[in-house]
C-alpha atoms as a PDB file:
ATOM      1  CA  UNK A   1      -6.636 -35.122  20.779  1.00  0.00           C
ATOM      2  CA  UNK A   2      -4.986 -32.632  18.442  1.00  0.00           C
ATOM      3  CA  UNK A   3      -1.530 -33.734  19.566  1.00  0.00           C
ATOM      4  CA  UNK A   4      -2.507 -37.383  19.070  1.00  0.00           C
ATOM      5  CA  UNK A   5      -3.669 -36.684  15.519  1.00  0.00           C
ATOM      6  CA  UNK A   6      -0.422 -34.870  14.810  1.00  0.00           C
ATOM      7  CA  UNK A   7       1.571 -37.793  16.140  1.00  0.00           C
ATOM      8  CA  UNK A   8      -0.283 -40.324  13.975  1.00  0.00           C
ATOM      9  CA  UNK A   9       1.584 -40.120  10.687  1.00  0.00           C
ATOM     10  CA  UNK A  10      -0.577 -40.254   7.587  1.00  0.00           C
ATOM     11  CA  UNK A  11      -3.879 -39.807   9.418  1.00  0.00           C
ATOM     12  CA  UNK A  12      -4.403 -36.132   8.628  1.00  0.00           C
ATOM     13  CA  UNK A  13      -2.706 -33.195   6.993  1.00  0.00           C
ATOM     14  CA  UNK A  14      -2.275 -30.068   9.112  1.00  0.00           C
ATOM     15  CA  UNK A  15      -2.583 -26.687   7.409  1.00  0.00           C
ATOM     16  CA  UNK A  16      -1.139 -23.919   9.570  1.00  0.00           C
ATOM     17  CA  UNK A  17      -2.948 -20.598   9.139  1.00  0.00           C
ATOM     18  CA  UNK A  18      -0.638 -17.917  10.488  1.00  0.00           C
ATOM     19  CA  UNK A  19      -2.022 -14.541  11.502  1.00  0.00           C
ATOM     20  CA  UNK A  20      -1.823 -11.890   8.786  1.00  0.00           C
ATOM     21  CA  UNK A  21      -0.283  -8.850  10.445  1.00  0.00           C
ATOM     22  CA  UNK A  22       1.352  -6.897   7.627  1.00  0.00           C
ATOM     23  CA  UNK A  23      -0.699  -4.835   5.190  1.00  0.00           C
ATOM     24  CA  UNK A  24       1.172  -6.479   2.330  1.00  0.00           C
ATOM     25  CA  UNK A  25      -0.065  -9.903   3.511  1.00  0.00           C
ATOM     26  CA  UNK A  26      -3.639  -8.641   3.733  1.00  0.00           C
ATOM     27  CA  UNK A  27      -3.290  -7.126   0.269  1.00  0.00           C
ATOM     28  CA  UNK A  28      -2.209 -10.501  -1.101  1.00  0.00           C
ATOM     29  CA  UNK A  29      -5.054 -12.216   0.777  1.00  0.00           C
ATOM     30  CA  UNK A  30      -7.676  -9.901  -0.753  1.00  0.00           C
ATOM     31  CA  UNK A  31      -6.101 -10.234  -4.209  1.00  0.00           C
ATOM     32  CA  UNK A  32      -6.279 -14.021  -3.929  1.00  0.00           C
ATOM     33  CA  UNK A  33      -9.972 -13.860  -2.979  1.00  0.00           C
ATOM     34  CA  UNK A  34     -10.849 -11.950  -6.161  1.00  0.00           C
ATOM     35  CA  UNK A  35      -8.490 -14.019  -8.288  1.00  0.00           C
ATOM     36  CA  UNK A  36     -10.059 -17.284  -7.100  1.00  0.00           C
ATOM     37  CA  UNK A  37     -13.499 -15.922  -7.998  1.00  0.00           C
ATOM     38  CA  UNK A  38     -12.328 -14.789 -11.420  1.00  0.00           C
ATOM     39  CA  UNK A  39     -13.164 -11.149 -10.675  1.00  0.00           C
ATOM     40  CA  UNK A  40     -11.230  -8.202 -12.083  1.00  0.00           C
ATOM     41  CA  UNK A  41     -10.226  -5.711  -9.394  1.00  0.00           C
ATOM     42  CA  UNK A  42      -8.000  -2.643  -9.501  1.00  0.00           C
ATOM     43  CA  UNK A  43      -5.000  -2.299  -7.154  1.00  0.00           C
ATOM     44  CA  UNK A  44      -6.547   0.889  -5.769  1.00  0.00           C
ATOM     45  CA  UNK A  45      -9.717  -0.988  -4.831  1.00  0.00           C
ATOM     46  CA  UNK A  46      -7.736  -3.592  -2.911  1.00  0.00           C
ATOM     47  CA  UNK A  47      -5.736  -0.897  -1.111  1.00  0.00           C
ATOM     48  CA  UNK A  48      -8.971   0.848  -0.134  1.00  0.00           C
ATOM     49  CA  UNK A  49     -10.420  -2.403   1.208  1.00  0.00           C
ATOM     50  CA  UNK A  50      -7.285  -3.261   3.191  1.00  0.00           C
ATOM     51  CA  UNK A  51      -7.199   0.258   4.613  1.00  0.00           C
ATOM     52  CA  UNK A  52     -10.875   0.161   5.608  1.00  0.00           C
ATOM     53  CA  UNK A  53     -10.776  -3.323   7.172  1.00  0.00           C
ATOM     54  CA  UNK A  54      -7.162  -3.556   8.340  1.00  0.00           C
ATOM     55  CA  UNK A  55      -8.119  -4.457  11.913  1.00  0.00           C
ATOM     56  CA  UNK A  56     -10.367  -7.449  11.160  1.00  0.00           C
ATOM     57  CA  UNK A  57      -9.518 -10.143   8.608  1.00  0.00           C
ATOM     58  CA  UNK A  58     -13.005 -11.655   8.869  1.00  0.00           C
ATOM     59  CA  UNK A  59     -14.566  -8.326   7.910  1.00  0.00           C
ATOM     60  CA  UNK A  60     -12.090  -7.943   5.044  1.00  0.00           C
ATOM     61  CA  UNK A  61     -13.022 -11.413   3.795  1.00  0.00           C
ATOM     62  CA  UNK A  62     -16.744 -10.613   4.070  1.00  0.00           C
ATOM     63  CA  UNK A  63     -16.276  -7.343   2.183  1.00  0.00           C
ATOM     64  CA  UNK A  64     -14.459  -9.172  -0.617  1.00  0.00           C
ATOM     65  CA  UNK A  65     -17.224 -11.788  -0.755  1.00  0.00           C
ATOM     66  CA  UNK A  66     -19.918  -9.132  -0.989  1.00  0.00           C
ATOM     67  CA  UNK A  67     -18.160  -7.310  -3.828  1.00  0.00           C
ATOM     68  CA  UNK A  68     -17.535 -10.597  -5.641  1.00  0.00           C
ATOM     69  CA  UNK A  69     -21.217 -11.456  -5.327  1.00  0.00           C
ATOM     70  CA  UNK A  70     -22.652  -8.070  -6.282  1.00  0.00           C
ATOM     71  CA  UNK A  71     -20.278  -6.433  -8.752  1.00  0.00           C
ATOM     72  CA  UNK A  72     -20.679  -7.454 -12.380  1.00  0.00           C
ATOM     73  CA  UNK A  73     -17.859  -5.360 -13.836  1.00  0.00           C
ATOM     74  CA  UNK A  74     -14.325  -4.550 -12.714  1.00  0.00           C
ATOM     75  CA  UNK A  75     -14.189  -3.573  -9.045  1.00  0.00           C
ATOM     76  CA  UNK A  76     -12.557  -0.173  -8.599  1.00  0.00           C
ATOM     77  CA  UNK A  77     -12.020   2.375  -5.823  1.00  0.00           C
ATOM     78  CA  UNK A  78     -15.359   3.914  -6.816  1.00  0.00           C
ATOM     79  CA  UNK A  79     -17.058   0.553  -6.198  1.00  0.00           C
ATOM     80  CA  UNK A  80     -15.459   0.238  -2.773  1.00  0.00           C
ATOM     81  CA  UNK A  81     -16.440   3.796  -1.875  1.00  0.00           C
ATOM     82  CA  UNK A  82     -20.041   3.169  -2.954  1.00  0.00           C
ATOM     83  CA  UNK A  83     -20.333   0.123  -0.693  1.00  0.00           C
ATOM     84  CA  UNK A  84     -18.193   1.161   2.262  1.00  0.00           C
ATOM     85  CA  UNK A  85     -17.993   4.959   2.112  1.00  0.00           C
ATOM     86  CA  UNK A  86     -18.653   5.463   5.819  1.00  0.00           C
ATOM     87  CA  UNK A  87     -16.076   2.870   6.828  1.00  0.00           C
ATOM     88  CA  UNK A  88     -13.434   4.241   4.472  1.00  0.00           C
ATOM     89  CA  UNK A  89     -13.996   7.897   5.274  1.00  0.00           C
ATOM     90  CA  UNK A  90     -13.774   7.492   9.040  1.00  0.00           C
ATOM     91  CA  UNK A  91     -10.905   5.046   8.916  1.00  0.00           C
ATOM     92  CA  UNK A  92      -7.718   6.034  10.721  1.00  0.00           C
ATOM     93  CA  UNK A  93      -5.733   5.717   7.499  1.00  0.00           C
ATOM     94  CA  UNK A  94      -8.026   8.224   5.780  1.00  0.00           C
ATOM     95  CA  UNK A  95      -7.195  10.728   8.523  1.00  0.00           C
ATOM     96  CA  UNK A  96      -3.488   9.983   8.126  1.00  0.00           C
ATOM     97  CA  UNK A  97      -3.589  10.244   4.333  1.00  0.00           C
ATOM     98  CA  UNK A  98      -5.252  13.669   4.458  1.00  0.00           C
ATOM     99  CA  UNK A  99      -2.791  15.018   7.028  1.00  0.00           C
ATOM    100  CA  UNK A 100       0.282  13.648   5.266  1.00  0.00           C
ATOM    101  CA  UNK A 101      -0.996  15.135   2.004  1.00  0.00           C
ATOM    102  CA  UNK A 102      -1.164  18.575   3.630  1.00  0.00           C
ATOM    103  CA  UNK A 103      -4.971  18.813   3.877  1.00  0.00           C
ATOM    104  CA  UNK A 104      -5.309  20.057   7.452  1.00  0.00           C
ATOM    105  CA  UNK A 105      -9.022  20.910   7.263  1.00  0.00           C
ATOM    106  CA  UNK A 106      -9.994  17.565   5.725  1.00  0.00           C
ATOM    107  CA  UNK A 107      -7.844  15.634   8.193  1.00  0.00           C
ATOM    108  CA  UNK A 108      -9.355  17.457  11.162  1.00  0.00           C
ATOM    109  CA  UNK A 109     -12.900  16.875   9.890  1.00  0.00           C
ATOM    110  CA  UNK A 110     -12.212  13.178   9.318  1.00  0.00           C
ATOM    111  CA  UNK A 111     -10.647  12.894  12.777  1.00  0.00           C
ATOM    112  CA  UNK A 112     -13.685  14.409  14.476  1.00  0.00           C
ATOM    113  CA  UNK A 113     -15.993  12.213  12.401  1.00  0.00           C
ATOM    114  CA  UNK A 114     -13.989   9.131  13.369  1.00  0.00           C
ATOM    115  CA  UNK A 115     -13.997  10.026  17.071  1.00  0.00           C
ATOM    116  CA  UNK A 116     -17.735  10.769  16.973  1.00  0.00           C
ATOM    117  CA  UNK A 117     -18.243   7.328  15.403  1.00  0.00           C
ATOM    118  CA  UNK A 118     -16.493   5.672  18.333  1.00  0.00           C
ATOM    119  CA  UNK A 119     -12.917   5.366  17.020  1.00  0.00           C
ATOM    120  CA  UNK A 120     -10.241   5.022  19.682  1.00  0.00           C
ATOM    121  CA  UNK A 121      -7.304   7.485  19.630  1.00  0.00           C
ATOM    122  CA  UNK A 122      -4.687   4.740  20.002  1.00  0.00           C
ATOM    123  CA  UNK A 123      -5.342   2.996  16.632  1.00  0.00           C
ATOM    124  CA  UNK A 124      -5.481   6.418  14.953  1.00  0.00           C
ATOM    125  CA  UNK A 125      -1.970   7.175  16.189  1.00  0.00           C
ATOM    126  CA  UNK A 126      -0.909   3.673  15.122  1.00  0.00           C
ATOM    127  CA  UNK A 127      -2.095   4.396  11.575  1.00  0.00           C
ATOM    128  CA  UNK A 128       0.005   7.557  11.469  1.00  0.00           C
ATOM    129  CA  UNK A 129       2.966   5.623  12.853  1.00  0.00           C
ATOM    130  CA  UNK A 130       2.688   2.972  10.138  1.00  0.00           C
ATOM    131  CA  UNK A 131       2.550   5.609   7.397  1.00  0.00           C
ATOM    132  CA  UNK A 132       5.418   7.736   8.729  1.00  0.00           C
ATOM    133  CA  UNK A 133       7.566   4.689   9.421  1.00  0.00           C
ATOM    134  CA  UNK A 134       7.121   3.535   5.820  1.00  0.00           C
ATOM    135  CA  UNK A 135       7.953   7.020   4.545  1.00  0.00           C
ATOM    136  CA  UNK A 136      11.095   7.104   6.677  1.00  0.00           C
ATOM    137  CA  UNK A 137      12.213   3.765   5.224  1.00  0.00           C
ATOM    138  CA  UNK A 138      11.745   4.948   1.651  1.00  0.00           C
ATOM    139  CA  UNK A 139      13.115   8.493   2.111  1.00  0.00           C
ATOM    140  CA  UNK A 140      16.305   8.967   0.111  1.00  0.00           C
ATOM    141  CA  UNK A 141      16.240   5.527  -1.520  1.00  0.00           C
ATOM    142  CA  UNK A 142      16.819   4.958  -5.205  1.00  0.00           C
ATOM    143  CA  UNK A 143      15.912   2.164  -7.562  1.00  0.00           C
ATOM    144  CA  UNK A 144      12.793   0.408  -8.724  1.00  0.00           C
ATOM    145  CA  UNK A 145       9.955  -0.325  -6.331  1.00  0.00           C
ATOM    146  CA  UNK A 146      10.260  -4.061  -6.940  1.00  0.00           C
ATOM    147  CA  UNK A 147      13.930  -4.094  -5.991  1.00  0.00           C
ATOM    148  CA  UNK A 148      13.439  -1.862  -2.938  1.00  0.00           C
ATOM    149  CA  UNK A 149      10.439  -3.840  -1.745  1.00  0.00           C
ATOM    150  CA  UNK A 150      12.583  -6.900  -1.144  1.00  0.00           C
ATOM    151  CA  UNK A 151      15.262  -4.892   0.647  1.00  0.00           C
ATOM    152  CA  UNK A 152      12.807  -3.049   2.891  1.00  0.00           C
ATOM    153  CA  UNK A 153      10.405  -5.914   3.598  1.00  0.00           C
ATOM    154  CA  UNK A 154       7.525  -4.153   1.861  1.00  0.00           C
ATOM    155  CA  UNK A 155       5.241  -4.702  -1.115  1.00  0.00           C
ATOM    156  CA  UNK A 156       6.104  -2.743  -4.304  1.00  0.00           C
ATOM    157  CA  UNK A 157       2.840  -0.772  -4.071  1.00  0.00           C
ATOM    158  CA  UNK A 158       3.802   0.333  -0.558  1.00  0.00           C
ATOM    159  CA  UNK A 159       7.085   1.727  -1.879  1.00  0.00           C
ATOM    160  CA  UNK A 160       5.239   3.573  -4.643  1.00  0.00           C
ATOM    161  CA  UNK A 161       2.682   4.937  -2.184  1.00  0.00           C
ATOM    162  CA  UNK A 162       5.372   6.086   0.252  1.00  0.00           C
ATOM    163  CA  UNK A 163       7.145   7.919  -2.566  1.00  0.00           C
ATOM    164  CA  UNK A 164       3.929   9.722  -3.436  1.00  0.00           C
ATOM    165  CA  UNK A 165       3.351  10.541   0.234  1.00  0.00           C
ATOM    166  CA  UNK A 166       6.853  12.028   0.477  1.00  0.00           C
ATOM    167  CA  UNK A 167       6.083  14.681  -2.125  1.00  0.00           C
ATOM    168  CA  UNK A 168       6.740  18.067  -0.511  1.00  0.00           C
ATOM    169  CA  UNK A 169       8.408  16.570   2.561  1.00  0.00           C
ATOM    170  CA  UNK A 170      11.956  17.072   3.831  1.00  0.00           C
ATOM    171  CA  UNK A 171      13.991  14.816   6.085  1.00  0.00           C
ATOM    172  CA  UNK A 172      13.879  17.448   8.819  1.00  0.00           C
ATOM    173  CA  UNK A 173      10.115  17.787   8.575  1.00  0.00           C
ATOM    174  CA  UNK A 174       9.650  14.035   8.698  1.00  0.00           C
ATOM    175  CA  UNK A 175      11.899  13.797  11.737  1.00  0.00           C
ATOM    176  CA  UNK A 176       9.951  16.556  13.513  1.00  0.00           C
ATOM    177  CA  UNK A 177       6.655  14.814  12.708  1.00  0.00           C
ATOM    178  CA  UNK A 178       7.906  11.465  14.030  1.00  0.00           C
ATOM    179  CA  UNK A 179       8.949  13.205  17.260  1.00  0.00           C
ATOM    180  CA  UNK A 180       5.481  14.728  17.686  1.00  0.00           C
ATOM    181  CA  UNK A 181       3.953  11.367  16.827  1.00  0.00           C
ATOM    182  CA  UNK A 182       5.887   9.721  19.667  1.00  0.00           C
ATOM    183  CA  UNK A 183       4.716  12.432  22.081  1.00  0.00           C
ATOM    184  CA  UNK A 184       1.117  11.953  20.942  1.00  0.00           C
ATOM    185  CA  UNK A 185       1.373   8.184  21.343  1.00  0.00           C
ATOM    186  CA  UNK A 186       2.485   8.670  24.934  1.00  0.00           C
ATOM    187  CA  UNK A 187      -0.286  11.188  25.556  1.00  0.00           C
ATOM    188  CA  UNK A 188      -3.177   9.054  24.238  1.00  0.00           C
ATOM    189  CA  UNK A 189      -1.951   6.082  26.267  1.00  0.00           C
ATOM    190  CA  UNK A 190      -2.420   7.879  29.566  1.00  0.00           C
ATOM    191  CA  UNK A 191       0.411  10.372  29.957  1.00  0.00           C
ATOM    192  CA  UNK A 192      -1.680  13.349  28.819  1.00  0.00           C
ATOM    193  CA  UNK A 193      -4.927  14.853  30.068  1.00  0.00           C
ATOM    194  CA  UNK A 194      -6.565  15.497  26.705  1.00  0.00           C
ATOM    195  CA  UNK A 195      -5.967  12.851  23.983  1.00  0.00           C
ATOM    196  CA  UNK A 196      -8.183  14.688  21.478  1.00  0.00           C
ATOM    197  CA  UNK A 197      -6.132  17.874  21.817  1.00  0.00           C
ATOM    198  CA  UNK A 198      -2.965  15.805  21.379  1.00  0.00           C
ATOM    199  CA  UNK A 199      -4.358  14.263  18.181  1.00  0.00           C
ATOM    200  CA  UNK A 200      -5.367  17.635  16.780  1.00  0.00           C
ATOM    201  CA  UNK A 201      -1.920  19.066  17.554  1.00  0.00           C
ATOM    202  CA  UNK A 202      -0.264  16.111  15.841  1.00  0.00           C
ATOM    203  CA  UNK A 203      -2.432  16.613  12.772  1.00  0.00           C
ATOM    204  CA  UNK A 204      -1.548  20.312  12.608  1.00  0.00           C
ATOM    205  CA  UNK A 205       2.170  19.494  12.682  1.00  0.00           C
ATOM    206  CA  UNK A 206       1.971  16.666  10.151  1.00  0.00           C
ATOM    207  CA  UNK A 207      -0.303  18.651   7.823  1.00  0.00           C
ATOM    208  CA  UNK A 208       2.387  21.343   7.766  1.00  0.00           C
ATOM    209  CA  UNK A 209       4.879  18.577   6.869  1.00  0.00           C
ATOM    210  CA  UNK A 210       6.723  19.173  10.124  1.00  0.00           C
ATOM    211  CA  UNK A 211       7.266  22.917   9.740  1.00  0.00           C
ATOM    212  CA  UNK A 212       5.164  24.004  12.734  1.00  0.00           C
END
């Protein structure tokens, strides 16, 4: 029937809803939700939401709807944390952010919390891979974030975030961390006996910015 409707010119208009896979697309989706509702929201709040609900667009949409309904003032990172603290804190990206920032103890605690809450090791490694891959793209680049975003296929805020993440890092340390990341990815997908040990080792290396 769908093909027949498509073939009948002028009967209906088809709106194709492609899957949102990139974080930049999800960021724009969430921004549009708040904009359509006339709600003020900080960029940090949107990043926190996208990070917390990156795996499920329906949940991201529901979270936006709840904040739009409940919040009377500007929605900030504090607002998001108040509503979704558990989801944000145990999110794979929170683990990655702590490790990349050099906070080994915090990253390890968040990892164990995430695993105890039922998180799977594979998406955790995927979060690290996304962050390190973005850092590798931005490493050594020059120019404004808007200009680089177009060249690298990223959103300007992702360029800015990657530059902040690269503080204290060297190219050699990043390369070493990416190597360990690849080994960990192989281990948690069946090649190793202890995926938790592999994750903890990866976090120790990345928290040292690749110097271990």
